[in-house]
All heavy atoms as atom14 arrays in JSON, in Angstrom:
{
  "sequence": "RAWAEKLGHEVVAYYSDPARSGKSITRRPGLMKLLEEAGAKLR",
  "atom14_mask": [
    [1, 1, 1, 1, 1, 1, 1, 1, 1, 1, 1, 0, 0, 0],
    [1, 1, 1, 1, 1, 0, 0, 0, 0, 0, 0, 0, 0, 0],
    [1, 1, 1, 1, 1, 1, 1, 1, 1, 1, 1, 1, 1, 1],
    [1, 1, 1, 1, 1, 0, 0, 0, 0, 0, 0, 0, 0, 0],
    [1, 1, 1, 1, 1, 1, 1, 1, 1, 0, 0, 0, 0, 0],
    [1, 1, 1, 1, 1, 1, 1, 1, 1, 0, 0, 0, 0, 0],
    [1, 1, 1, 1, 1, 1, 1, 1, 0, 0, 0, 0, 0, 0],
    [1, 1, 1, 1, 0, 0, 0, 0, 0, 0, 0, 0, 0, 0],
    [1, 1, 1, 1, 1, 1, 1, 1, 1, 1, 0, 0, 0, 0],
    [1, 1, 1, 1, 1, 1, 1, 1, 1, 0, 0, 0, 0, 0],
    [1, 1, 1, 1, 1, 1, 1, 0, 0, 0, 0, 0, 0, 0],
    [1, 1, 1, 1, 1, 1, 1, 0, 0, 0, 0, 0, 0, 0],
    [1, 1, 1, 1, 1, 0, 0, 0, 0, 0, 0, 0, 0, 0],
    [1, 1, 1, 1, 1, 1, 1, 1, 1, 1, 1, 1, 0, 0],
    [1, 1, 1, 1, 1, 1, 1, 1, 1, 1, 1, 1, 0, 0],
    [1, 1, 1, 1, 1, 1, 0, 0, 0, 0, 0, 0, 0, 0],
    [1, 1, 1, 1, 1, 1, 1, 1, 0, 0, 0, 0, 0, 0],
    [1, 1, 1, 1, 1, 1, 1, 0, 0, 0, 0, 0, 0, 0],
    [1, 1, 1, 1, 1, 0, 0, 0, 0, 0, 0, 0, 0, 0],
    [1, 1, 1, 1, 1, 1, 1, 1, 1, 1, 1, 0, 0, 0],
    [1, 1, 1, 1, 1, 1, 0, 0, 0, 0, 0, 0, 0, 0],
    [1, 1, 1, 1, 0, 0, 0, 0, 0, 0, 0, 0, 0, 0],
    [1, 1, 1, 1, 1, 1, 1, 1, 1, 0, 0, 0, 0, 0],
    [1, 1, 1, 1, 1, 1, 0, 0, 0, 0, 0, 0, 0, 0],
    [1, 1, 1, 1, 1, 1, 1, 1, 0, 0, 0, 0, 0, 0],
    [1, 1, 1, 1, 1, 1, 1, 0, 0, 0, 0, 0, 0, 0],
    [1, 1, 1, 1, 1, 1, 1, 1, 1, 1, 1, 0, 0, 0],
    [1, 1, 1, 1, 1, 1, 1, 1, 1, 1, 1, 0, 0, 0],
    [1, 1, 1, 1, 1, 1, 1, 0, 0, 0, 0, 0, 0, 0],
    [1, 1, 1, 1, 0, 0, 0, 0, 0, 0, 0, 0, 0, 0],
    [1, 1, 1, 1, 1, 1, 1, 1, 0, 0, 0, 0, 0, 0],
    [1, 1, 1, 1, 1, 1, 1, 1, 0, 0, 0, 0, 0, 0],
    [1, 1, 1, 1, 1, 1, 1, 1, 1, 0, 0, 0, 0, 0],
    [1, 1, 1, 1, 1, 1, 1, 1, 0, 0, 0, 0, 0, 0],
    [1, 1, 1, 1, 1, 1, 1, 1, 0, 0, 0, 0, 0, 0],
    [1, 1, 1, 1, 1, 1, 1, 1, 1, 0, 0, 0, 0, 0],
    [1, 1, 1, 1, 1, 1, 1, 1, 1, 0, 0, 0, 0, 0],
    [1, 1, 1, 1, 1, 0, 0, 0, 0, 0, 0, 0, 0, 0],
    [1, 1, 1, 1, 0, 0, 0, 0, 0, 0, 0, 0, 0, 0],
    [1, 1, 1, 1, 1, 0, 0, 0, 0, 0, 0, 0, 0, 0],
    [1, 1, 1, 1, 1, 1, 1, 1, 1, 0, 0, 0, 0, 0],
    [1, 1, 1, 1, 1, 1, 1, 1, 0, 0, 0, 0, 0, 0],
    [1, 1, 1, 1, 1, 1, 1, 1, 1, 1, 1, 0, 0, 0]
  ],
  "atom14_positions": [
    [[0.82, -1.25, -0.03], [-0.03, -0.04, 0.04], [0.9, 1.19, -0.03], [0.56, 2.24, -0.75], [-0.91, 0.13, 1.22], [-2.19, -0.69, 1.02], [-3.26, -0.41, 2.1], [-2.82, -0.69, 3.45], [-2.96, -1.88, 4.1], [-3.51, -2.92, 3.45], [-2.52, -2.13, 5.23], [0.0, 0.0, 0.0], [0.0, 0.0, 0.0], [0.0, 0.0, 0.0]],
    [[1.92, 1.26, 0.81], [2.76, 2.47, 0.84], [3.46, 2.67, -0.47], [3.62, 3.85, -0.95], [3.89, 2.23, 1.99], [0.0, 0.0, 0.0], [0.0, 0.0, 0.0], [0.0, 0.0, 0.0], [0.0, 0.0, 0.0], [0.0, 0.0, 0.0], [0.0, 0.0, 0.0], [0.0, 0.0, 0.0], [0.0, 0.0, 0.0], [0.0, 0.0, 0.0]],
    [[3.98, 1.61, -1.1], [4.58, 1.75, -2.43], [3.54, 2.32, -3.47], [3.88, 3.21, -4.22], [5.06, 0.34, -2.9], [5.65, 0.37, -4.28], [6.9, 0.66, -4.64], [4.84, 0.0, -5.45], [7.0, 0.6, -5.95], [5.85, 0.1, -6.53], [3.59, -0.44, -5.7], [5.43, -0.12, -7.8], [3.22, -0.68, -6.91], [4.11, -0.6, -8.04]],
    [[2.34, 1.68, -3.39], [1.29, 2.12, -4.36], [0.89, 3.61, -4.21], [0.84, 4.29, -5.19], [0.12, 1.17, -4.25], [0.0, 0.0, 0.0], [0.0, 0.0, 0.0], [0.0, 0.0, 0.0], [0.0, 0.0, 0.0], [0.0, 0.0, 0.0], [0.0, 0.0, 0.0], [0.0, 0.0, 0.0], [0.0, 0.0, 0.0], [0.0, 0.0, 0.0]],
    [[0.7, 4.02, -2.93], [0.34, 5.38, -2.65], [1.45, 6.36, -3.13], [1.11, 7.36, -3.61], [0.01, 5.52, -1.18], [-1.29, 4.86, -0.8], [-1.49, 4.88, 0.72], [-0.72, 5.51, 1.43], [-2.47, 4.24, 1.13], [0.0, 0.0, 0.0], [0.0, 0.0, 0.0], [0.0, 0.0, 0.0], [0.0, 0.0, 0.0], [0.0, 0.0, 0.0]],
    [[2.59, 5.98, -2.87], [3.78, 6.83, -3.32], [3.78, 7.13, -4.84], [4.16, 8.12, -5.32], [5.07, 6.13, -2.87], [6.37, 6.85, -3.13], [7.58, 6.03, -2.49], [8.88, 6.67, -2.77], [9.89, 5.88, -2.21], [0.0, 0.0, 0.0], [0.0, 0.0, 0.0], [0.0, 0.0, 0.0], [0.0, 0.0, 0.0], [0.0, 0.0, 0.0]],
    [[3.35, 6.09, -5.59], [3.25, 6.19, -7.03], [1.94, 6.73, -7.56], [1.73, 6.81, -8.78], [3.66, 4.9, -7.62], [5.03, 4.43, -7.44], [5.35, 3.1, -7.97], [6.03, 5.48, -7.96], [0.0, 0.0, 0.0], [0.0, 0.0, 0.0], [0.0, 0.0, 0.0], [0.0, 0.0, 0.0], [0.0, 0.0, 0.0], [0.0, 0.0, 0.0]],
    [[0.98, 6.96, -6.66], [-0.38, 7.43, -7.01], [-1.33, 6.33, -7.53], [-2.31, 6.58, -8.17], [0.0, 0.0, 0.0], [0.0, 0.0, 0.0], [0.0, 0.0, 0.0], [0.0, 0.0, 0.0], [0.0, 0.0, 0.0], [0.0, 0.0, 0.0], [0.0, 0.0, 0.0], [0.0, 0.0, 0.0], [0.0, 0.0, 0.0], [0.0, 0.0, 0.0]],
    [[-0.99, 5.09, -7.07], [-1.94, 3.96, -7.44], [-2.77, 3.63, -6.3], [-2.47, 4.0, -5.08], [-1.07, 2.78, -7.77], [-0.07, 3.03, -8.9], [-0.39, 3.69, -10.02], [1.15, 2.63, -9.03], [0.69, 3.77, -10.89], [1.59, 3.08, -10.28], [0.0, 0.0, 0.0], [0.0, 0.0, 0.0], [0.0, 0.0, 0.0], [0.0, 0.0, 0.0]],
    [[-3.86, 2.85, -6.54], [-4.77, 2.38, -5.43], [-4.78, 0.91, -5.38], [-4.95, 0.32, -6.46], [-6.13, 2.89, -5.81], [-7.21, 2.52, -4.83], [-8.58, 2.99, -5.09], [-8.79, 3.43, -6.34], [-9.42, 2.8, -4.32], [0.0, 0.0, 0.0], [0.0, 0.0, 0.0], [0.0, 0.0, 0.0], [0.0, 0.0, 0.0], [0.0, 0.0, 0.0]],
    [[-4.64, 0.35, -4.23], [-4.75, -1.09, -4.06], [-6.27, -1.37, -3.81], [-6.91, -0.85, -3.02], [-3.96, -1.62, -2.81], [-4.11, -3.09, -2.67], [-2.51, -1.27, -2.96], [0.0, 0.0, 0.0], [0.0, 0.0, 0.0], [0.0, 0.0, 0.0], [0.0, 0.0, 0.0], [0.0, 0.0, 0.0], [0.0, 0.0, 0.0], [0.0, 0.0, 0.0]],
    [[-6.74, -2.17, -4.75], [-8.25, -2.41, -4.82], [-8.6, -3.88, -4.52], [-9.79, -4.14, -4.33], [-8.82, -1.96, -6.17], [-8.72, -0.51, -6.45], [-8.28, -2.83, -7.37], [0.0, 0.0, 0.0], [0.0, 0.0, 0.0], [0.0, 0.0, 0.0], [0.0, 0.0, 0.0], [0.0, 0.0, 0.0], [0.0, 0.0, 0.0], [0.0, 0.0, 0.0]],
    [[-7.59, -4.75, -4.51], [-7.88, -6.13, -4.17], [-6.73, -6.72, -3.44], [-5.62, -6.41, -3.68], [-8.14, -6.89, -5.44], [0.0, 0.0, 0.0], [0.0, 0.0, 0.0], [0.0, 0.0, 0.0], [0.0, 0.0, 0.0], [0.0, 0.0, 0.0], [0.0, 0.0, 0.0], [0.0, 0.0, 0.0], [0.0, 0.0, 0.0], [0.0, 0.0, 0.0]],
    [[-7.15, -7.56, -2.47], [-6.04, -8.32, -1.72], [-6.26, -9.8, -1.87], [-7.38, -10.32, -1.64], [-6.17, -7.86, -0.23], [-5.83, -6.36, -0.05], [-6.8, -5.4, -0.12], [-4.47, -6.02, 0.3], [-6.57, -4.11, 0.07], [-4.24, -4.58, 0.48], [-5.22, -3.68, 0.38], [-4.99, -2.42, 0.57], [0.0, 0.0, 0.0], [0.0, 0.0, 0.0]],
    [[-5.14, -10.5, -1.97], [-5.15, -12.09, -2.08], [-4.09, -12.43, -1.12], [-2.98, -11.96, -1.21], [-4.97, -12.48, -3.48], [-5.94, -11.96, -4.37], [-5.71, -10.66, -5.09], [-7.17, -12.56, -4.78], [-6.59, -10.16, -5.97], [-8.11, -11.99, -5.73], [-7.75, -10.81, -6.22], [-8.68, -10.21, -7.15], [0.0, 0.0, 0.0], [0.0, 0.0, 0.0]],
    [[-4.29, -13.56, -0.44], [-3.23, -14.1, 0.46], [-3.41, -15.63, 0.57], [-4.39, -16.14, 0.45], [-3.29, -13.42, 1.78], [-4.51, -13.7, 2.4], [0.0, 0.0, 0.0], [0.0, 0.0, 0.0], [0.0, 0.0, 0.0], [0.0, 0.0, 0.0], [0.0, 0.0, 0.0], [0.0, 0.0, 0.0], [0.0, 0.0, 0.0], [0.0, 0.0, 0.0]],
    [[-2.26, -16.12, 0.97], [-2.16, -17.65, 1.25], [-1.32, -17.74, 2.52], [-0.05, -17.9, 2.39], [-1.63, -18.37, 0.09], [-2.57, -18.5, -1.06], [-3.69, -18.91, -0.79], [-2.24, -18.21, -2.24], [0.0, 0.0, 0.0], [0.0, 0.0, 0.0], [0.0, 0.0, 0.0], [0.0, 0.0, 0.0], [0.0, 0.0, 0.0], [0.0, 0.0, 0.0]],
    [[-1.84, -17.85, 3.75], [-1.09, -18.06, 4.92], [-0.69, -19.49, 5.04], [-1.4, -20.43, 4.77], [-2.09, -17.69, 6.1], [-3.39, -17.85, 5.48], [-3.35, -17.55, 3.96], [0.0, 0.0, 0.0], [0.0, 0.0, 0.0], [0.0, 0.0, 0.0], [0.0, 0.0, 0.0], [0.0, 0.0, 0.0], [0.0, 0.0, 0.0], [0.0, 0.0, 0.0]],
    [[0.58, -19.59, 5.49], [1.19, -20.9, 5.73], [1.03, -21.89, 4.56], [0.68, -23.04, 4.66], [0.57, -21.59, 7.01], [0.0, 0.0, 0.0], [0.0, 0.0, 0.0], [0.0, 0.0, 0.0], [0.0, 0.0, 0.0], [0.0, 0.0, 0.0], [0.0, 0.0, 0.0], [0.0, 0.0, 0.0], [0.0, 0.0, 0.0], [0.0, 0.0, 0.0]],
    [[1.39, -21.32, 3.38], [1.42, -22.15, 2.16], [2.79, -22.17, 1.4], [3.37, -21.01, 1.38], [0.36, -21.57, 1.19], [-1.07, -21.58, 1.59], [-1.54, -22.96, 1.61], [-2.99, -23.06, 2.08], [-3.84, -23.97, 1.73], [-3.47, -24.94, 0.92], [-5.03, -23.94, 2.13], [0.0, 0.0, 0.0], [0.0, 0.0, 0.0], [0.0, 0.0, 0.0]],
    [[3.16, -23.28, 1.09], [4.45, -23.43, 0.36], [4.38, -22.72, -0.98], [3.32, -22.72, -1.59], [4.89, -24.94, 0.19], [5.96, -25.04, -0.6], [0.0, 0.0, 0.0], [0.0, 0.0, 0.0], [0.0, 0.0, 0.0], [0.0, 0.0, 0.0], [0.0, 0.0, 0.0], [0.0, 0.0, 0.0], [0.0, 0.0, 0.0], [0.0, 0.0, 0.0]],
    [[5.51, -22.29, -1.44], [5.58, -21.71, -2.79], [5.91, -22.71, -3.83], [5.91, -22.36, -5.06], [0.0, 0.0, 0.0], [0.0, 0.0, 0.0], [0.0, 0.0, 0.0], [0.0, 0.0, 0.0], [0.0, 0.0, 0.0], [0.0, 0.0, 0.0], [0.0, 0.0, 0.0], [0.0, 0.0, 0.0], [0.0, 0.0, 0.0], [0.0, 0.0, 0.0]],
    [[6.0, -24.01, -3.47], [6.36, -25.0, -4.41], [5.22, -25.21, -5.41], [5.43, -25.75, -6.51], [6.74, -26.27, -3.68], [8.0, -26.21, -3.02], [8.39, -27.52, -2.35], [9.81, -27.44, -1.65], [10.18, -28.77, -1.09], [0.0, 0.0, 0.0], [0.0, 0.0, 0.0], [0.0, 0.0, 0.0], [0.0, 0.0, 0.0], [0.0, 0.0, 0.0]],
    [[3.93, -25.16, -4.96], [2.81, -25.45, -5.72], [1.86, -24.35, -5.97], [1.43, -23.71, -4.99], [2.01, -26.71, -5.15], [0.84, -26.94, -5.89], [0.0, 0.0, 0.0], [0.0, 0.0, 0.0], [0.0, 0.0, 0.0], [0.0, 0.0, 0.0], [0.0, 0.0, 0.0], [0.0, 0.0, 0.0], [0.0, 0.0, 0.0], [0.0, 0.0, 0.0]],
    [[1.52, -24.03, -7.19], [0.53, -22.98, -7.4], [-0.88, -23.49, -7.1], [-1.63, -22.68, -6.48], [0.64, -22.53, -8.82], [2.02, -21.77, -9.19], [-0.55, -21.59, -9.29], [2.16, -21.42, -10.59], [0.0, 0.0, 0.0], [0.0, 0.0, 0.0], [0.0, 0.0, 0.0], [0.0, 0.0, 0.0], [0.0, 0.0, 0.0], [0.0, 0.0, 0.0]],
    [[-1.17, -24.69, -7.48], [-2.53, -25.09, -7.2], [-2.95, -25.31, -5.82], [-4.1, -25.42, -5.38], [-2.76, -26.55, -8.05], [-1.85, -27.42, -7.43], [-2.53, -26.28, -9.51], [0.0, 0.0, 0.0], [0.0, 0.0, 0.0], [0.0, 0.0, 0.0], [0.0, 0.0, 0.0], [0.0, 0.0, 0.0], [0.0, 0.0, 0.0], [0.0, 0.0, 0.0]],
    [[-1.93, -25.37, -4.94], [-2.37, -25.47, -3.49], [-2.44, -24.18, -2.71], [-2.32, -24.1, -1.58], [-1.3, -26.47, -2.85], [-1.39, -27.84, -3.25], [-0.42, -28.75, -2.51], [-0.55, -30.12, -3.05], [0.43, -30.99, -2.85], [1.52, -30.68, -2.28], [0.3, -32.13, -3.47], [0.0, 0.0, 0.0], [0.0, 0.0, 0.0], [0.0, 0.0, 0.0]],
    [[-2.51, -23.12, -3.6], [-2.61, -21.72, -2.99], [-3.93, -21.1, -3.56], [-3.93, -20.51, -4.52], [-1.41, -20.93, -3.4], [-0.08, -21.57, -2.83], [1.16, -20.64, -3.0], [1.34, -20.16, -4.4], [2.45, -19.54, -4.71], [3.48, -19.38, -3.79], [2.66, -19.11, -5.92], [0.0, 0.0, 0.0], [0.0, 0.0, 0.0], [0.0, 0.0, 0.0]],
    [[-4.93, -21.26, -2.68], [-6.29, -20.86, -3.2], [-6.38, -19.27, -3.41], [-7.03, -18.81, -4.26], [-7.26, -21.28, -2.04], [-6.37, -21.55, -0.92], [-5.09, -21.94, -1.42], [0.0, 0.0, 0.0], [0.0, 0.0, 0.0], [0.0, 0.0, 0.0], [0.0, 0.0, 0.0], [0.0, 0.0, 0.0], [0.0, 0.0, 0.0], [0.0, 0.0, 0.0]],
    [[-5.61, -18.58, -2.67], [-5.59, -17.04, -2.85], [-5.02, -16.76, -4.19], [-5.57, -15.89, -4.88], [0.0, 0.0, 0.0], [0.0, 0.0, 0.0], [0.0, 0.0, 0.0], [0.0, 0.0, 0.0], [0.0, 0.0, 0.0], [0.0, 0.0, 0.0], [0.0, 0.0, 0.0], [0.0, 0.0, 0.0], [0.0, 0.0, 0.0], [0.0, 0.0, 0.0]],
    [[-3.97, -17.41, -4.56], [-3.26, -17.2, -5.88], [-4.22, -17.61, -6.95], [-4.3, -16.95, -8.01], [-1.86, -17.88, -5.92], [-1.26, -17.72, -7.24], [-0.86, -16.27, -7.55], [0.12, -18.43, -7.19], [0.0, 0.0, 0.0], [0.0, 0.0, 0.0], [0.0, 0.0, 0.0], [0.0, 0.0, 0.0], [0.0, 0.0, 0.0], [0.0, 0.0, 0.0]],
    [[-4.79, -18.79, -6.78], [-5.73, -19.24, -7.87], [-6.91, -18.31, -8.08], [-7.34, -18.01, -9.23], [-6.26, -20.63, -7.45], [-5.2, -21.69, -7.29], [-4.14, -21.92, -8.82], [-5.25, -22.32, -10.02], [0.0, 0.0, 0.0], [0.0, 0.0, 0.0], [0.0, 0.0, 0.0], [0.0, 0.0, 0.0], [0.0, 0.0, 0.0], [0.0, 0.0, 0.0]],
    [[-7.45, -17.64, -6.95], [-8.52, -16.69, -7.15], [-7.95, -15.44, -7.81], [-8.66, -14.86, -8.78], [-8.99, -16.28, -5.72], [-10.11, -15.31, -5.74], [-11.38, -15.87, -6.25], [-12.59, -14.97, -6.13], [-13.7, -15.29, -6.85], [0.0, 0.0, 0.0], [0.0, 0.0, 0.0], [0.0, 0.0, 0.0], [0.0, 0.0, 0.0], [0.0, 0.0, 0.0]],
    [[-6.74, -15.06, -7.54], [-6.15, -13.79, -8.2], [-6.04, -14.19, -9.63], [-6.4, -13.29, -10.55], [-4.8, -13.5, -7.63], [-4.05, -12.46, -8.14], [-3.11, -11.8, -7.16], [-3.27, -12.72, -9.43], [0.0, 0.0, 0.0], [0.0, 0.0, 0.0], [0.0, 0.0, 0.0], [0.0, 0.0, 0.0], [0.0, 0.0, 0.0], [0.0, 0.0, 0.0]],
    [[-5.57, -15.34, -10.09], [-5.32, -15.71, -11.44], [-6.68, -15.85, -12.22], [-6.77, -15.36, -13.39], [-4.59, -16.96, -11.63], [-3.11, -16.96, -11.16], [-2.57, -18.35, -11.11], [-2.29, -16.0, -11.98], [0.0, 0.0, 0.0], [0.0, 0.0, 0.0], [0.0, 0.0, 0.0], [0.0, 0.0, 0.0], [0.0, 0.0, 0.0], [0.0, 0.0, 0.0]],
    [[-7.68, -16.26, -11.5], [-9.06, -16.37, -12.11], [-9.49, -14.94, -12.35], [-9.99, -14.7, -13.46], [-9.93, -17.12, -11.08], [-11.42, -17.16, -11.55], [-12.25, -17.69, -10.46], [-11.93, -18.65, -9.78], [-13.44, -17.2, -10.31], [0.0, 0.0, 0.0], [0.0, 0.0, 0.0], [0.0, 0.0, 0.0], [0.0, 0.0, 0.0], [0.0, 0.0, 0.0]],
    [[-9.4, -14.04, -11.45], [-10.0, -12.75, -11.59], [-9.09, -11.89, -12.65], [-9.61, -11.08, -13.34], [-10.08, -12.04, -10.3], [-11.21, -12.7, -9.48], [-11.49, -11.93, -8.17], [-10.95, -10.91, -7.88], [-12.28, -12.44, -7.47], [0.0, 0.0, 0.0], [0.0, 0.0, 0.0], [0.0, 0.0, 0.0], [0.0, 0.0, 0.0], [0.0, 0.0, 0.0]],
    [[-7.79, -12.15, -12.67], [-6.96, -11.55, -13.7], [-7.36, -11.88, -15.11], [-7.2, -11.13, -16.04], [-5.46, -11.97, -13.55], [0.0, 0.0, 0.0], [0.0, 0.0, 0.0], [0.0, 0.0, 0.0], [0.0, 0.0, 0.0], [0.0, 0.0, 0.0], [0.0, 0.0, 0.0], [0.0, 0.0, 0.0], [0.0, 0.0, 0.0], [0.0, 0.0, 0.0]],
    [[-7.88, -13.19, -15.34], [-8.34, -13.6, -16.59], [-9.77, -13.2, -16.97], [-10.22, -13.44, -18.11], [0.0, 0.0, 0.0], [0.0, 0.0, 0.0], [0.0, 0.0, 0.0], [0.0, 0.0, 0.0], [0.0, 0.0, 0.0], [0.0, 0.0, 0.0], [0.0, 0.0, 0.0], [0.0, 0.0, 0.0], [0.0, 0.0, 0.0], [0.0, 0.0, 0.0]],
    [[-10.42, -12.67, -16.04], [-11.81, -12.27, -16.3], [-11.9, -11.0, -17.23], [-11.0, -10.17, -17.32], [-12.54, -11.85, -15.0], [0.0, 0.0, 0.0], [0.0, 0.0, 0.0], [0.0, 0.0, 0.0], [0.0, 0.0, 0.0], [0.0, 0.0, 0.0], [0.0, 0.0, 0.0], [0.0, 0.0, 0.0], [0.0, 0.0, 0.0], [0.0, 0.0, 0.0]],
    [[-12.9, -10.98, -18.04], [-13.1, -9.92, -19.05], [-13.21, -8.61, -18.35], [-12.52, -7.64, -18.89], [-14.41, -10.1, -19.82], [-14.54, -9.24, -21.0], [-15.71, -9.71, -21.89], [-15.76, -8.79, -23.09], [-16.81, -9.29, -24.08], [0.0, 0.0, 0.0], [0.0, 0.0, 0.0], [0.0, 0.0, 0.0], [0.0, 0.0, 0.0], [0.0, 0.0, 0.0]],
    [[-13.81, -8.47, -17.25], [-13.9, -7.13, -16.51], [-13.14, -7.35, -15.17], [-13.67, -7.2, -14.08], [-15.38, -6.81, -16.19], [-16.2, -6.55, -17.44], [-17.7, -6.33, -17.16], [-15.71, -5.36, -18.24], [0.0, 0.0, 0.0], [0.0, 0.0, 0.0], [0.0, 0.0, 0.0], [0.0, 0.0, 0.0], [0.0, 0.0, 0.0], [0.0, 0.0, 0.0]],
    [[-11.85, -7.51, -15.27], [-11.03, -7.7, -14.03], [-11.04, -6.45, -13.18], [-11.09, -5.3, -13.75], [-9.68, -8.26, -14.31], [-8.8, -7.22, -14.94], [-7.47, -7.82, -15.21], [-6.71, -6.87, -16.04], [-5.63, -7.18, -16.78], [-5.16, -8.35, -16.75], [-5.07, -6.27, -17.52], [0.0, 0.0, 0.0], [0.0, 0.0, 0.0], [0.0, 0.0, 0.0]]
  ]
}
């Protein structure tokens, strides 16, 4: 948020995966939701 505000950007969505390994993308539901919404027509 501090970085974004410094550049005049707005953080509009937050995704997270607590206690999740970085080894697997599919075992991170927060990341999967982010990717799903990134691919939406009206993201």
